[in-house]
Amino acid sequence: MPAPSWTRGSDALGAALTLAVAVALFAFGGHRLDLALESSPVFVLVGLALGGVGGFIHVLRVLAPDLLPFGKSRQPRDSAAEQAATEQATAESSAAKPSADGPSSRGDADAGSPPRT
């Protein structure tokens, strides 16, 4: 089942905000370096470029991971109900396996081993 449209919109909004914050922080860092080193706006431009490239890569990872040449960034978002059902099925399958000799008093580590004589 595809994700609801509001989750896609919230992903886009989050990616856009991350892009803007990355550009702003790197530009601010470049400005501070320029002030400390009394240089021309070289580091501001470098900060703008680094923030823009990093933010744009993040936007691609979130919105179009298939376009990136270096692998997938994350798994598709599952709904909370599907995730809970998967966890419950896993817990039930592990609880449904009875040991051959009954419960062990020494813990779970050797619950499947035969009793010692």
Protein backbone atom coordinates (compact mmCIF):
# COMPACT_ATOMS: atom_id res chain seq x y z
CA MET A 1 0.00 0.00 0.00
CA PRO A 2 1.50 3.39 -0.92
CA ALA A 3 2.18 5.94 1.78
CA PRO A 4 -0.52 8.56 2.37
CA SER A 5 0.00 11.84 0.56
CA TRP A 6 0.55 13.78 3.78
CA THR A 7 3.61 11.67 4.65
CA ARG A 8 5.09 12.41 1.24
CA GLY A 9 4.42 16.12 1.80
CA SER A 10 5.97 16.03 5.26
CA ASP A 11 9.04 14.27 3.83
CA ALA A 12 9.35 17.03 1.21
CA LEU A 13 8.94 19.77 3.81
CA GLY A 14 11.53 18.16 6.07
CA ALA A 15 13.99 17.79 3.21
CA ALA A 16 13.49 21.43 2.15
CA LEU A 17 14.06 22.66 5.69
CA THR A 18 17.17 20.52 5.99
CA LEU A 19 18.50 22.02 2.75
CA ALA A 20 17.85 25.56 3.98
CA VAL A 21 19.41 24.94 7.40
CA ALA A 22 22.48 23.24 5.89
CA VAL A 23 23.10 26.15 3.52
CA ALA A 24 22.56 28.72 6.28
CA LEU A 25 24.81 26.98 8.82
CA PHE A 26 27.65 26.40 6.38
CA ALA A 27 27.41 29.99 5.13
CA PHE A 28 27.44 31.28 8.72
CA GLY A 29 30.47 29.12 9.49
CA GLY A 30 32.21 30.47 6.41
CA HIS A 31 31.37 34.02 7.46
CA ARG A 32 32.85 33.41 10.93
CA LEU A 33 36.00 31.96 9.36
CA ASP A 34 36.28 34.97 7.07
CA LEU A 35 36.01 37.30 10.07
CA ALA A 36 38.57 35.34 12.10
CA LEU A 37 41.06 35.11 9.23
CA GLU A 38 40.30 38.61 7.89
CA SER A 39 39.84 37.24 4.41
CA SER A 40 37.52 38.05 1.56
CA PRO A 41 34.25 36.09 1.34
CA VAL A 42 36.05 32.96 0.15
CA PHE A 43 34.87 30.81 3.05
CA VAL A 44 31.30 32.10 2.76
CA LEU A 45 31.25 30.90 -0.84
CA VAL A 46 32.82 27.57 0.13
CA GLY A 47 30.25 27.20 2.92
CA LEU A 48 27.40 28.00 0.54
CA ALA A 49 28.67 25.41 -1.93
CA LEU A 50 29.18 22.69 0.70
CA GLY A 51 25.82 23.34 2.36
CA GLY A 52 24.05 23.36 -1.01
CA VAL A 53 25.63 20.13 -2.19
CA GLY A 54 25.06 18.34 1.12
CA GLY A 55 21.49 19.58 1.41
CA PHE A 56 20.69 18.65 -2.18
CA ILE A 57 22.04 15.13 -1.65
CA HIS A 58 19.80 14.85 1.41
CA VAL A 59 16.79 16.00 -0.64
CA LEU A 60 17.54 13.31 -3.22
CA ARG A 61 17.98 10.64 -0.53
CA VAL A 62 14.58 11.46 0.97
CA LEU A 63 12.49 12.16 -2.12
CA ALA A 64 14.10 10.12 -4.90
CA PRO A 65 16.58 7.54 -3.53
CA ASP A 66 16.59 5.63 -6.83
CA LEU A 67 18.32 8.57 -8.56
CA LEU A 68 21.44 8.35 -6.41
CA PRO A 69 24.35 6.39 -7.87
CA PHE A 70 25.64 5.24 -4.46
CA GLY A 71 22.91 3.01 -3.07
CA LYS A 72 19.66 3.38 -1.27
CA SER A 73 19.54 5.65 1.73
CA ARG A 74 16.70 4.05 3.69
CA GLN A 75 13.93 1.54 3.52
CA PRO A 76 10.44 2.66 2.50
CA ARG A 77 8.35 3.88 5.39
CA ASP A 78 6.08 1.19 6.84
CA SER A 79 2.89 2.05 8.61
CA ALA A 80 2.86 1.64 12.37
CA ALA A 81 0.19 -1.08 12.13
CA GLU A 82 2.28 -3.16 9.72
CA GLN A 83 5.35 -2.80 11.90
CA ALA A 84 3.41 -3.78 15.04
CA ALA A 85 1.92 -6.81 13.26
CA THR A 86 5.37 -7.94 12.15
CA GLU A 87 6.77 -7.61 15.68
CA GLN A 88 3.80 -9.49 17.14
CA ALA A 89 4.14 -12.32 14.62
CA THR A 90 7.85 -12.61 15.43
CA ALA A 91 7.15 -12.71 19.17
CA GLU A 92 4.40 -15.32 18.74
CA SER A 93 6.57 -17.58 16.58
CA SER A 94 9.42 -17.52 19.09
CA ALA A 95 7.02 -18.14 22.03
CA ALA A 96 5.27 -21.00 20.20
CA LYS A 97 8.41 -23.17 20.09
CA PRO A 98 8.28 -25.37 23.20
CA SER A 99 11.50 -26.92 24.34
CA ALA A 100 11.78 -30.71 24.30
CA ASP A 101 12.60 -30.99 28.01
CA GLY A 102 10.33 -28.29 29.41
CA PRO A 103 11.41 -25.04 31.02
CA SER A 104 14.95 -24.73 32.21
CA SER A 105 15.87 -23.41 35.64
CA ARG A 106 19.24 -22.20 34.34
CA GLY A 107 17.82 -19.54 31.98
CA ASP A 108 17.06 -19.26 28.30
CA ALA A 109 20.61 -19.93 27.08
CA ASP A 110 20.27 -23.71 27.39
CA ALA A 111 16.50 -24.13 27.20
CA GLY A 112 16.84 -26.32 24.11
CA SER A 113 19.59 -28.60 25.46
CA PRO A 114 18.82 -31.91 27.19
CA PRO A 115 18.90 -31.91 31.00
CA ARG A 116 22.14 -32.83 32.68
CA THR A 117 22.30 -35.95 34.82
